[in-house]
Protein backbone atom coordinates (compact mmCIF):
# COMPACT_ATOMS: atom_id res chain seq x y z
CA MET A 1 -4.58 92.63 0.55
CA PRO A 2 -6.50 95.03 2.49
CA ALA A 3 -4.48 97.36 4.31
CA GLU A 4 -5.07 96.50 7.83
CA HIS A 5 -3.42 93.18 6.98
CA GLN A 6 -0.60 94.40 5.47
CA PRO A 7 2.15 93.92 7.71
CA ASP A 8 3.92 97.01 9.42
CA PRO A 9 7.05 98.11 8.22
CA ALA A 10 8.65 96.54 10.95
CA SER A 11 7.18 93.43 10.20
CA GLU A 12 7.86 93.33 6.63
CA LYS A 13 11.43 94.79 6.77
CA ARG A 14 11.79 91.30 9.45
CA ILE A 15 10.00 88.88 6.87
CA THR A 16 12.01 90.00 4.41
CA ARG A 17 15.51 89.39 6.21
CA THR A 18 14.32 86.39 7.17
CA ALA A 19 12.94 85.18 3.44
CA ARG A 20 16.99 85.81 2.64
CA CYS A 21 17.82 83.09 4.70
CA PHE A 22 15.75 80.65 2.74
CA ASP A 23 16.12 79.01 -0.98
CA ALA A 24 13.80 79.06 -3.15
CA THR A 25 12.49 75.43 -2.42
CA GLY A 26 12.17 76.48 1.22
CA ARG A 27 15.66 75.05 2.53
CA LEU A 28 17.32 76.82 5.10
CA LEU A 29 20.16 78.20 4.12
CA ARG A 30 22.09 80.01 6.92
CA TRP A 31 20.77 80.27 10.70
CA PRO A 32 19.22 83.96 11.09
CA SER A 33 21.46 86.36 13.82
CA ARG A 34 18.50 88.24 15.28
CA ARG A 35 16.46 85.87 17.56
CA ALA A 36 13.19 87.52 16.18
CA ASP A 37 14.47 86.43 12.87
CA GLN A 38 15.24 82.48 14.08
CA GLU A 39 11.73 82.21 15.34
CA LEU A 40 10.03 83.24 12.34
CA ALA A 41 12.54 81.02 10.51
CA LEU A 42 11.63 78.15 13.01
CA TRP A 43 7.95 78.59 12.03
CA VAL A 44 8.78 77.71 8.62
CA ILE A 45 10.27 74.81 9.53
CA TRP A 46 7.57 73.68 11.99
CA SER A 47 5.20 74.17 9.46
CA GLN A 48 7.05 71.08 6.91
CA MET A 49 6.61 68.61 9.74
CA PRO A 50 3.90 66.10 9.97
CA ASP A 51 1.24 66.96 11.93
CA ASP A 52 0.33 63.64 13.47
CA GLY A 53 1.74 60.93 15.13
CA GLN A 54 5.07 60.90 16.85
CA LEU A 55 8.44 60.52 15.30
CA SER A 56 11.38 58.97 16.61
CA GLU A 57 14.61 61.33 17.31
CA LEU A 58 16.25 59.26 14.10
CA GLU A 59 13.64 60.16 12.16
CA ILE A 60 13.34 64.13 13.12
CA ASN A 61 16.93 63.94 12.75
CA ALA A 62 16.67 63.01 9.57
CA MET A 63 13.67 65.29 8.70
CA LEU A 64 15.87 68.27 9.82
CA ARG A 65 18.92 67.64 7.98
CA THR A 66 17.14 67.36 4.76
CA TRP A 67 15.38 71.49 5.70
CA HIS A 68 18.71 73.53 6.19
CA ASP A 69 22.07 73.53 4.32
CA TYR A 70 24.44 74.16 7.94
CA GLU A 71 24.63 70.76 9.21
CA ASP A 72 23.20 71.79 12.79
CA TYR A 73 20.30 69.83 12.96
CA VAL A 74 20.93 69.72 16.55
CA LEU A 75 20.43 73.28 17.24
CA LEU A 76 16.71 73.41 15.11
CA ARG A 77 15.29 70.41 17.13
CA ARG A 78 16.64 72.50 20.46
CA GLU A 79 15.17 75.52 19.14
CA LEU A 80 12.10 73.64 17.93
CA CYS A 81 11.37 72.03 21.44
CA ASP A 82 12.05 75.41 23.16
CA LEU A 83 9.71 77.42 21.43
CA ASP A 84 7.00 74.62 22.25
CA LEU A 85 6.52 73.63 18.41
CA LEU A 86 7.84 70.11 18.99
CA ARG A 87 7.63 67.94 22.50
CA ARG A 88 9.46 64.92 23.58
CA THR A 89 9.36 62.26 26.41
CA PRO A 90 11.55 62.58 29.10
CA ASP A 91 13.95 60.25 27.64
CA GLY A 92 14.16 61.84 24.12
CA ARG A 93 13.37 58.89 21.99
CA ILE A 94 9.72 60.22 20.87
CA TYR A 95 8.97 63.60 19.41
CA ARG A 96 5.46 65.02 17.98
CA ARG A 97 4.77 68.57 17.07
CA ILE A 98 2.63 70.52 18.28
CA ALA A 99 -0.26 71.79 16.46
CA ARG A 100 -0.37 75.88 16.61
CA GLU A 101 -1.83 78.49 14.96
CA MET A 102 1.06 80.40 13.29
CA PRO A 103 1.30 83.89 13.78
CA PRO A 104 0.83 86.31 10.96
CA GLU A 105 4.80 87.07 10.28
CA ALA A 106 5.15 83.52 9.65
CA GLU A 107 2.19 83.11 7.53
CA ALA A 108 3.74 85.77 5.31
CA LEU A 109 7.15 84.27 5.45
CA LEU A 110 5.87 81.00 4.53
CA ALA A 111 3.80 82.57 1.52
CA ARG A 112 6.71 84.45 0.31
CA ILE A 113 9.43 81.71 0.27
CA GLN A 114 6.50 79.08 -1.45
CA ALA A 115 6.16 82.34 -3.91
CA GLU A 116 9.69 82.16 -4.85
CA PRO A 117 10.28 80.70 -8.28
CA ALA A 118 12.40 77.35 -7.94
């Protein structure tokens, strides 16, 4: 990777720290304590969501339950909505993933998680 595409030391540290919150299959093992790390983790979760169509609250909940190990799928759902990565109808019954471009740090984190041996 050319030097201009290398993450700066602070970004590299954040990526490494956040990667430790995931297992080799991409499951979130624990919720990061730092807000910047939480946002990186949410981008990884967002990347696993289907990018077309709409999903019911039950379908979103079921998906989120399979992607983490600490039983707080409601937190994940709320945080995804707060970051505008996921939107819901006013009644909260229908959810839709928002198409966005991943930040470079989030792409680097996802690549690192996917490169880990399962």
